[in-house]
């Protein structure tokens, strides 16, 4: 799969053969663009990017490209979950956009990427969620973050490739 990434990057206008730091910055810019255009909860975008790209390897080309691919994959999973939720709720096609906007605001995209994370990023995610769970009784924002993640996890679970890391 990694062998097709330079070609895939080229199709969206990324020069894969330039300076290493520039390549990483360009990939992150495209990952942010993909995430911001997805319509899901804004705070989740930062969390997703930070979780997946927690520690780029020394081969920035592959690391940066993998970040974009993983982010796009998580967003696609969330989009599929939105379609399934709309179908289950009996939402007519003409009302899907409105439904998806409301539904997406309550989703945490990190849940859709758990099985794509490296062990370090996965451990950091678990620590964040545990911290929110512990603080939920006294901190309303932590309770909202924890509930959003757990709701998203319930929606994402059927799509995850390796549940129970």
N, C-alpha and C. Protein backbone atom coordinates (compact mmCIF):
# COMPACT_ATOMS: atom_id res chain seq x y z
N UNK A 1 0.82 -1.19 0.00
CA UNK A 1 0.00 0.00 0.00
C UNK A 1 0.86 1.26 0.00
N UNK A 2 1.96 1.26 0.75
CA UNK A 2 2.79 2.45 0.82
C UNK A 2 3.37 2.83 -0.53
N UNK A 3 3.50 1.86 -1.43
CA UNK A 3 4.05 2.16 -2.74
C UNK A 3 3.13 3.04 -3.58
N UNK A 4 1.83 3.06 -3.28
CA UNK A 4 0.91 3.88 -4.07
C UNK A 4 0.74 5.28 -3.49
N UNK A 5 1.26 5.52 -2.30
CA UNK A 5 1.06 6.81 -1.65
C UNK A 5 1.66 7.96 -2.44
N UNK A 6 2.89 7.85 -2.99
CA UNK A 6 3.38 8.99 -3.78
C UNK A 6 2.47 9.33 -4.95
N UNK A 7 1.93 8.31 -5.62
CA UNK A 7 1.01 8.57 -6.73
C UNK A 7 -0.29 9.20 -6.23
N UNK A 8 -0.79 8.68 -5.11
CA UNK A 8 -2.02 9.25 -4.54
C UNK A 8 -1.78 10.69 -4.12
N UNK A 9 -0.63 10.95 -3.52
CA UNK A 9 -0.31 12.32 -3.10
C UNK A 9 -0.22 13.24 -4.31
N UNK A 10 0.38 12.75 -5.38
CA UNK A 10 0.52 13.57 -6.59
C UNK A 10 -0.85 13.94 -7.17
N UNK A 11 -1.84 13.05 -7.03
CA UNK A 11 -3.16 13.34 -7.58
C UNK A 11 -3.85 14.49 -6.86
N UNK A 12 -3.45 14.74 -5.61
CA UNK A 12 -4.04 15.89 -4.91
C UNK A 12 -3.07 17.05 -4.85
N UNK A 13 -2.02 17.00 -5.68
CA UNK A 13 -1.14 18.15 -5.84
C UNK A 13 0.03 18.24 -4.89
N UNK A 14 0.43 17.14 -4.29
CA UNK A 14 1.55 17.16 -3.35
C UNK A 14 2.81 16.67 -4.05
N UNK A 15 3.88 17.48 -3.99
CA UNK A 15 5.18 17.08 -4.53
C UNK A 15 5.84 16.17 -3.50
N UNK A 16 5.85 14.88 -3.80
CA UNK A 16 6.34 13.90 -2.84
C UNK A 16 7.86 13.82 -2.81
N UNK A 17 8.53 14.50 -3.72
CA UNK A 17 9.97 14.35 -3.81
C UNK A 17 10.73 15.59 -3.36
N UNK A 18 10.08 16.55 -2.71
CA UNK A 18 10.72 17.76 -2.22
C UNK A 18 11.35 17.57 -0.85
N UNK A 19 11.57 18.65 -0.15
CA UNK A 19 12.16 18.66 1.18
C UNK A 19 11.30 17.89 2.18
N UNK A 20 11.94 17.15 3.09
CA UNK A 20 11.21 16.31 4.05
C UNK A 20 10.25 17.12 4.92
N UNK A 21 10.71 18.21 5.51
CA UNK A 21 9.85 19.01 6.38
C UNK A 21 8.69 19.62 5.58
N UNK A 22 8.98 20.05 4.39
CA UNK A 22 7.92 20.61 3.55
C UNK A 22 6.88 19.56 3.22
N UNK A 23 7.33 18.32 2.97
CA UNK A 23 6.39 17.24 2.65
C UNK A 23 5.47 16.97 3.83
N UNK A 24 6.04 16.93 5.03
CA UNK A 24 5.23 16.68 6.22
C UNK A 24 4.22 17.80 6.42
N UNK A 25 4.65 19.04 6.28
CA UNK A 25 3.74 20.18 6.43
C UNK A 25 2.63 20.13 5.39
N UNK A 26 2.98 19.78 4.16
CA UNK A 26 1.98 19.70 3.09
C UNK A 26 0.96 18.60 3.38
N UNK A 27 1.42 17.44 3.84
CA UNK A 27 0.51 16.34 4.17
C UNK A 27 -0.41 16.74 5.32
N UNK A 28 0.15 17.39 6.33
CA UNK A 28 -0.69 17.81 7.46
C UNK A 28 -1.73 18.83 7.01
N UNK A 29 -1.34 19.72 6.09
CA UNK A 29 -2.29 20.71 5.57
C UNK A 29 -3.45 19.99 4.87
N UNK A 30 -3.13 18.99 4.06
CA UNK A 30 -4.18 18.26 3.35
C UNK A 30 -5.03 17.44 4.32
N UNK A 31 -4.42 16.86 5.34
CA UNK A 31 -5.19 16.11 6.35
C UNK A 31 -6.16 17.05 7.06
N UNK A 32 -5.68 18.25 7.41
CA UNK A 32 -6.54 19.23 8.07
C UNK A 32 -7.69 19.65 7.16
N UNK A 33 -7.40 19.84 5.88
CA UNK A 33 -8.44 20.23 4.93
C UNK A 33 -9.50 19.14 4.83
N UNK A 34 -9.06 17.89 4.70
CA UNK A 34 -10.01 16.77 4.64
C UNK A 34 -10.86 16.74 5.90
N UNK A 35 -10.22 16.86 7.04
CA UNK A 35 -10.93 16.79 8.31
C UNK A 35 -11.92 17.95 8.45
N UNK A 36 -11.48 19.15 8.14
CA UNK A 36 -12.34 20.32 8.30
C UNK A 36 -13.53 20.31 7.36
N UNK A 37 -13.42 19.67 6.21
CA UNK A 37 -14.53 19.62 5.27
C UNK A 37 -15.48 18.46 5.55
N UNK A 38 -15.18 17.64 6.53
CA UNK A 38 -16.00 16.47 6.78
C UNK A 38 -17.30 16.78 7.50
N UNK A 39 -17.36 17.90 8.26
CA UNK A 39 -18.59 18.26 8.95
C UNK A 39 -18.76 17.63 10.31
N UNK A 40 -17.74 16.97 10.82
CA UNK A 40 -17.85 16.36 12.14
C UNK A 40 -17.36 17.33 13.21
N UNK A 41 -17.49 16.95 14.45
CA UNK A 41 -17.18 17.83 15.58
C UNK A 41 -15.78 18.43 15.46
N UNK A 42 -15.70 19.74 15.55
CA UNK A 42 -14.43 20.45 15.37
C UNK A 42 -13.34 20.02 16.33
N UNK A 43 -13.67 19.81 17.58
CA UNK A 43 -12.66 19.42 18.55
C UNK A 43 -12.09 18.05 18.23
N UNK A 44 -12.88 17.19 17.66
CA UNK A 44 -12.42 15.86 17.32
C UNK A 44 -11.34 15.88 16.25
N UNK A 45 -11.37 16.86 15.36
CA UNK A 45 -10.36 16.92 14.30
C UNK A 45 -8.97 17.05 14.89
N UNK A 46 -8.83 17.97 15.85
CA UNK A 46 -7.54 18.15 16.49
C UNK A 46 -7.13 16.90 17.24
N UNK A 47 -8.08 16.30 17.92
CA UNK A 47 -7.76 15.08 18.67
C UNK A 47 -7.36 13.95 17.73
N UNK A 48 -8.08 13.81 16.62
CA UNK A 48 -7.76 12.75 15.67
C UNK A 48 -6.37 12.95 15.09
N UNK A 49 -6.08 14.15 14.65
CA UNK A 49 -4.75 14.42 14.08
C UNK A 49 -3.65 14.18 15.10
N UNK A 50 -3.86 14.64 16.32
CA UNK A 50 -2.84 14.46 17.36
C UNK A 50 -2.67 13.00 17.73
N UNK A 51 -3.77 12.27 17.77
CA UNK A 51 -3.69 10.86 18.14
C UNK A 51 -2.97 10.02 17.09
N UNK A 52 -3.31 10.24 15.84
CA UNK A 52 -2.72 9.44 14.77
C UNK A 52 -1.28 9.84 14.50
N UNK A 53 -1.00 11.14 14.55
CA UNK A 53 0.34 11.62 14.23
C UNK A 53 1.13 11.93 15.49
N UNK A 54 0.91 11.16 16.55
CA UNK A 54 1.54 11.44 17.83
C UNK A 54 3.05 11.52 17.76
N UNK A 55 3.66 10.67 16.98
CA UNK A 55 5.12 10.66 16.93
C UNK A 55 5.57 10.23 15.54
N UNK A 56 5.77 11.20 14.63
CA UNK A 56 6.17 10.82 13.28
C UNK A 56 7.50 10.08 13.27
N UNK A 57 7.61 9.08 12.45
CA UNK A 57 8.86 8.33 12.36
C UNK A 57 9.91 9.11 11.60
N UNK A 58 11.10 8.55 11.51
CA UNK A 58 12.17 9.25 10.81
C UNK A 58 11.92 9.30 9.31
N UNK A 59 11.05 8.44 8.81
CA UNK A 59 10.69 8.50 7.38
C UNK A 59 9.41 9.31 7.25
N UNK A 60 9.59 10.61 7.20
CA UNK A 60 8.43 11.50 7.21
C UNK A 60 7.50 11.28 6.03
N UNK A 61 8.04 10.89 4.90
CA UNK A 61 7.17 10.67 3.74
C UNK A 61 6.06 9.70 4.08
N UNK A 62 6.44 8.52 4.53
CA UNK A 62 5.45 7.50 4.84
C UNK A 62 4.60 7.88 6.04
N UNK A 63 5.22 8.45 7.05
CA UNK A 63 4.47 8.84 8.23
C UNK A 63 3.42 9.88 7.90
N UNK A 64 3.83 10.90 7.17
CA UNK A 64 2.88 11.96 6.81
C UNK A 64 1.78 11.41 5.91
N UNK A 65 2.15 10.60 4.95
CA UNK A 65 1.16 10.03 4.04
C UNK A 65 0.20 9.12 4.80
N UNK A 66 0.72 8.35 5.71
CA UNK A 66 -0.14 7.46 6.49
C UNK A 66 -1.12 8.27 7.34
N UNK A 67 -0.68 9.41 7.85
CA UNK A 67 -1.57 10.26 8.63
C UNK A 67 -2.76 10.71 7.79
N UNK A 68 -2.49 11.13 6.57
CA UNK A 68 -3.57 11.57 5.68
C UNK A 68 -4.51 10.40 5.37
N UNK A 69 -3.94 9.27 5.03
CA UNK A 69 -4.75 8.10 4.67
C UNK A 69 -5.59 7.65 5.87
N UNK A 70 -4.99 7.59 7.04
CA UNK A 70 -5.73 7.16 8.23
C UNK A 70 -6.84 8.15 8.59
N UNK A 71 -6.54 9.43 8.45
CA UNK A 71 -7.56 10.44 8.74
C UNK A 71 -8.73 10.31 7.77
N UNK A 72 -8.41 10.16 6.49
CA UNK A 72 -9.47 10.01 5.49
C UNK A 72 -10.28 8.74 5.74
N UNK A 73 -9.61 7.68 6.14
CA UNK A 73 -10.29 6.41 6.42
C UNK A 73 -11.24 6.57 7.61
N UNK A 74 -10.80 7.24 8.66
CA UNK A 74 -11.65 7.46 9.83
C UNK A 74 -12.86 8.31 9.46
N UNK A 75 -12.64 9.33 8.66
CA UNK A 75 -13.75 10.20 8.24
C UNK A 75 -14.74 9.41 7.38
N UNK A 76 -14.23 8.55 6.52
CA UNK A 76 -15.12 7.73 5.69
C UNK A 76 -15.93 6.77 6.56
N UNK A 77 -15.30 6.20 7.57
CA UNK A 77 -16.04 5.33 8.50
C UNK A 77 -17.16 6.11 9.18
N UNK A 78 -16.86 7.31 9.65
CA UNK A 78 -17.86 8.13 10.32
C UNK A 78 -18.99 8.49 9.35
N UNK A 79 -18.64 8.78 8.12
CA UNK A 79 -19.67 9.07 7.11
C UNK A 79 -20.59 7.88 6.90
N UNK A 80 -20.00 6.69 6.85
CA UNK A 80 -20.80 5.47 6.70
C UNK A 80 -21.71 5.28 7.91
N UNK A 81 -21.19 5.55 9.09
CA UNK A 81 -22.01 5.43 10.30
C UNK A 81 -23.16 6.44 10.26
N UNK A 82 -22.92 7.62 9.71
CA UNK A 82 -23.99 8.62 9.59
C UNK A 82 -25.10 8.11 8.66
N UNK A 83 -24.71 7.51 7.55
CA UNK A 83 -25.71 6.94 6.63
C UNK A 83 -26.51 5.85 7.32
N UNK A 84 -25.82 4.99 8.07
CA UNK A 84 -26.51 3.90 8.77
C UNK A 84 -27.45 4.44 9.84
N UNK A 85 -27.01 5.47 10.57
CA UNK A 85 -27.87 6.07 11.60
C UNK A 85 -29.09 6.73 10.98
N UNK A 86 -28.90 7.40 9.85
CA UNK A 86 -30.03 8.03 9.17
C UNK A 86 -31.02 6.99 8.68
N UNK A 87 -30.51 5.90 8.13
CA UNK A 87 -31.39 4.83 7.65
C UNK A 87 -32.16 4.21 8.81
N UNK A 88 -31.47 3.98 9.92
CA UNK A 88 -32.13 3.38 11.09
C UNK A 88 -33.20 4.31 11.67
N UNK A 89 -32.98 5.62 11.55
CA UNK A 89 -33.94 6.59 12.08
C UNK A 89 -35.04 6.92 11.08
N UNK A 90 -34.94 6.36 9.87
CA UNK A 90 -35.96 6.62 8.86
C UNK A 90 -35.92 8.03 8.28
N UNK A 91 -34.73 8.61 8.24
CA UNK A 91 -34.58 9.97 7.73
C UNK A 91 -34.74 9.96 6.21
N UNK A 92 -35.65 10.78 5.68
CA UNK A 92 -35.81 10.85 4.22
C UNK A 92 -34.54 11.43 3.57
N UNK A 93 -34.24 11.03 2.35
CA UNK A 93 -33.01 11.50 1.69
C UNK A 93 -32.88 13.02 1.65
N UNK A 94 -33.97 13.74 1.45
CA UNK A 94 -33.90 15.19 1.36
C UNK A 94 -33.54 15.85 2.70
N UNK A 95 -33.64 15.12 3.79
CA UNK A 95 -33.31 15.66 5.11
C UNK A 95 -31.97 15.14 5.63
N UNK A 96 -31.27 14.35 4.81
CA UNK A 96 -30.03 13.75 5.29
C UNK A 96 -28.97 14.78 5.65
N UNK A 97 -28.80 15.82 4.87
CA UNK A 97 -27.76 16.82 5.14
C UNK A 97 -27.95 17.45 6.51
N UNK A 98 -29.16 17.80 6.81
CA UNK A 98 -29.46 18.40 8.13
C UNK A 98 -29.21 17.39 9.24
N UNK A 99 -29.68 16.15 9.03
CA UNK A 99 -29.47 15.09 10.01
C UNK A 99 -27.97 14.85 10.23
N UNK A 100 -27.21 14.74 9.15
CA UNK A 100 -25.77 14.45 9.24
C UNK A 100 -25.02 15.56 9.97
N UNK A 101 -25.42 16.80 9.74
CA UNK A 101 -24.75 17.92 10.41
C UNK A 101 -24.95 17.84 11.92
N UNK A 102 -26.19 17.57 12.33
CA UNK A 102 -26.47 17.44 13.77
C UNK A 102 -25.82 16.21 14.35
N UNK A 103 -25.92 15.10 13.65
CA UNK A 103 -25.34 13.84 14.12
C UNK A 103 -23.83 13.94 14.22
N UNK A 104 -23.19 14.52 13.21
CA UNK A 104 -21.74 14.63 13.17
C UNK A 104 -21.17 15.50 14.27
N UNK A 105 -21.92 16.49 14.70
CA UNK A 105 -21.44 17.37 15.77
C UNK A 105 -21.29 16.62 17.09
N UNK A 106 -21.96 15.50 17.22
CA UNK A 106 -21.88 14.70 18.44
C UNK A 106 -20.94 13.51 18.31
N UNK A 107 -20.13 13.48 17.28
CA UNK A 107 -19.21 12.37 17.06
C UNK A 107 -17.77 12.76 17.39
N UNK A 108 -16.99 11.81 17.85
CA UNK A 108 -15.57 11.98 18.11
C UNK A 108 -14.85 11.05 17.14
N UNK A 109 -14.19 11.63 16.15
CA UNK A 109 -13.58 10.83 15.09
C UNK A 109 -12.46 9.91 15.58
N UNK A 110 -11.93 10.18 16.74
CA UNK A 110 -10.89 9.29 17.27
C UNK A 110 -11.40 7.86 17.43
N UNK A 111 -12.68 7.72 17.74
CA UNK A 111 -13.27 6.40 17.91
C UNK A 111 -13.23 5.60 16.61
N UNK A 112 -13.33 6.30 15.49
CA UNK A 112 -13.33 5.63 14.19
C UNK A 112 -11.91 5.30 13.71
N UNK A 113 -10.91 5.73 14.45
CA UNK A 113 -9.52 5.51 14.04
C UNK A 113 -8.73 4.68 15.05
N UNK A 114 -9.37 4.17 16.07
CA UNK A 114 -8.65 3.47 17.14
C UNK A 114 -7.77 2.34 16.62
N UNK A 115 -8.27 1.57 15.70
CA UNK A 115 -7.51 0.42 15.20
C UNK A 115 -6.44 0.83 14.20
N UNK A 116 -6.41 2.09 13.82
CA UNK A 116 -5.40 2.58 12.88
C UNK A 116 -4.22 3.23 13.59
N UNK A 117 -4.35 3.43 14.89
CA UNK A 117 -3.32 4.12 15.66
C UNK A 117 -2.18 3.18 16.03
N UNK A 118 -0.98 3.77 16.13
CA UNK A 118 0.14 2.99 16.64
C UNK A 118 -0.04 2.85 18.16
N UNK A 119 0.69 1.93 18.79
CA UNK A 119 0.49 1.69 20.23
C UNK A 119 0.65 2.94 21.10
N UNK A 120 1.59 3.82 20.75
CA UNK A 120 1.81 5.03 21.55
C UNK A 120 0.61 5.96 21.46
N UNK A 121 0.09 6.17 20.26
CA UNK A 121 -1.07 7.03 20.06
C UNK A 121 -2.31 6.43 20.71
N UNK A 122 -2.45 5.11 20.60
CA UNK A 122 -3.59 4.43 21.22
C UNK A 122 -3.55 4.58 22.74
N UNK A 123 -2.36 4.44 23.32
CA UNK A 123 -2.21 4.60 24.77
C UNK A 123 -2.55 6.03 25.19
N UNK A 124 -2.14 7.01 24.40
CA UNK A 124 -2.46 8.41 24.71
C UNK A 124 -3.96 8.65 24.64
N UNK A 125 -4.62 8.06 23.66
CA UNK A 125 -6.08 8.18 23.54
C UNK A 125 -6.76 7.57 24.76
N UNK A 126 -6.35 6.38 25.14
CA UNK A 126 -6.94 5.72 26.31
C UNK A 126 -6.75 6.57 27.56
N UNK A 127 -5.57 7.19 27.70
CA UNK A 127 -5.31 8.05 28.86
C UNK A 127 -6.23 9.27 28.85
N UNK A 128 -6.43 9.88 27.68
CA UNK A 128 -7.34 11.04 27.56
C UNK A 128 -8.76 10.65 27.94
N UNK A 129 -9.22 9.53 27.43
CA UNK A 129 -10.59 9.09 27.70
C UNK A 129 -10.75 8.75 29.18
N UNK A 130 -9.77 8.09 29.76
CA UNK A 130 -9.83 7.74 31.17
C UNK A 130 -9.84 9.00 32.04
N UNK A 131 -9.05 9.99 31.66
CA UNK A 131 -9.02 11.26 32.39
C UNK A 131 -10.39 11.93 32.34
N UNK A 132 -11.02 11.94 31.19
CA UNK A 132 -12.36 12.52 31.07
C UNK A 132 -13.38 11.72 31.86
N UNK A 133 -13.27 10.40 31.83
CA UNK A 133 -14.21 9.56 32.59
C UNK A 133 -14.10 9.85 34.08
N UNK A 134 -12.86 9.96 34.57
CA UNK A 134 -12.64 10.21 35.99
C UNK A 134 -13.15 11.58 36.42
N UNK A 135 -13.05 12.56 35.53
CA UNK A 135 -13.45 13.92 35.86
C UNK A 135 -14.92 14.21 35.55
N UNK A 136 -15.60 13.29 34.90
CA UNK A 136 -16.96 13.54 34.41
C UNK A 136 -17.95 13.92 35.50
N UNK A 137 -17.77 13.42 36.70
CA UNK A 137 -18.74 13.70 37.77
C UNK A 137 -18.72 15.17 38.19
N UNK A 138 -17.58 15.82 38.05
CA UNK A 138 -17.47 17.20 38.52
C UNK A 138 -17.16 18.22 37.41
N UNK A 139 -16.86 17.75 36.23
CA UNK A 139 -16.46 18.63 35.12
C UNK A 139 -17.40 18.37 33.94
N UNK A 140 -18.29 19.33 33.66
CA UNK A 140 -19.28 19.14 32.60
C UNK A 140 -18.63 18.95 31.23
N UNK A 141 -17.57 19.70 30.96
CA UNK A 141 -16.90 19.57 29.66
C UNK A 141 -16.28 18.18 29.51
N UNK A 142 -15.68 17.66 30.57
CA UNK A 142 -15.11 16.31 30.54
C UNK A 142 -16.21 15.28 30.33
N UNK A 143 -17.35 15.48 30.98
CA UNK A 143 -18.48 14.55 30.82
C UNK A 143 -18.98 14.56 29.38
N UNK A 144 -19.07 15.75 28.77
CA UNK A 144 -19.51 15.83 27.38
C UNK A 144 -18.52 15.15 26.45
N UNK A 145 -17.21 15.37 26.66
CA UNK A 145 -16.19 14.72 25.82
C UNK A 145 -16.26 13.21 25.98
N UNK A 146 -16.39 12.75 27.22
CA UNK A 146 -16.45 11.30 27.47
C UNK A 146 -17.69 10.70 26.82
N UNK A 147 -18.84 11.33 26.99
CA UNK A 147 -20.08 10.81 26.40
C UNK A 147 -20.03 10.82 24.88
N UNK A 148 -19.44 11.88 24.31
CA UNK A 148 -19.31 11.95 22.85
C UNK A 148 -18.44 10.80 22.36
N UNK A 149 -17.33 10.56 23.05
CA UNK A 149 -16.45 9.48 22.62
C UNK A 149 -17.16 8.12 22.73
N UNK A 150 -17.83 7.88 23.84
CA UNK A 150 -18.47 6.57 24.03
C UNK A 150 -19.61 6.36 23.03
N UNK A 151 -20.36 7.40 22.70
CA UNK A 151 -21.40 7.30 21.67
C UNK A 151 -20.77 6.99 20.32
N UNK A 152 -19.69 7.68 20.02
CA UNK A 152 -18.99 7.45 18.76
C UNK A 152 -18.43 6.04 18.70
N UNK A 153 -17.89 5.57 19.81
CA UNK A 153 -17.33 4.23 19.85
C UNK A 153 -18.41 3.17 19.58
N UNK A 154 -19.59 3.39 20.12
CA UNK A 154 -20.69 2.45 19.85
C UNK A 154 -21.02 2.42 18.36
N UNK A 155 -20.97 3.58 17.71
CA UNK A 155 -21.24 3.64 16.27
C UNK A 155 -20.08 3.06 15.46
N UNK A 156 -18.86 3.24 15.93
CA UNK A 156 -17.67 2.83 15.19
C UNK A 156 -17.32 1.36 15.35
N UNK A 157 -17.70 0.78 16.47
CA UNK A 157 -17.25 -0.58 16.79
C UNK A 157 -17.42 -1.60 15.67
N UNK A 158 -18.55 -1.64 14.97
CA UNK A 158 -18.68 -2.63 13.89
C UNK A 158 -17.70 -2.43 12.74
N UNK A 159 -17.13 -1.21 12.65
CA UNK A 159 -16.23 -0.91 11.53
C UNK A 159 -14.76 -1.10 11.86
N UNK A 160 -14.43 -1.25 13.11
CA UNK A 160 -13.03 -1.33 13.52
C UNK A 160 -12.48 -2.69 13.14
N UNK A 161 -11.24 -2.67 12.63
CA UNK A 161 -10.60 -3.91 12.16
C UNK A 161 -10.04 -4.76 13.29
N UNK A 162 -9.52 -4.12 14.31
CA UNK A 162 -8.87 -4.86 15.40
C UNK A 162 -9.36 -4.31 16.72
N UNK A 163 -10.54 -4.70 17.12
CA UNK A 163 -11.10 -4.18 18.36
C UNK A 163 -10.40 -4.82 19.56
N UNK A 164 -10.20 -4.07 20.62
CA UNK A 164 -9.64 -4.61 21.85
C UNK A 164 -8.14 -4.60 21.92
N UNK A 165 -7.49 -3.64 21.27
CA UNK A 165 -6.02 -3.53 21.28
C UNK A 165 -5.49 -3.60 22.68
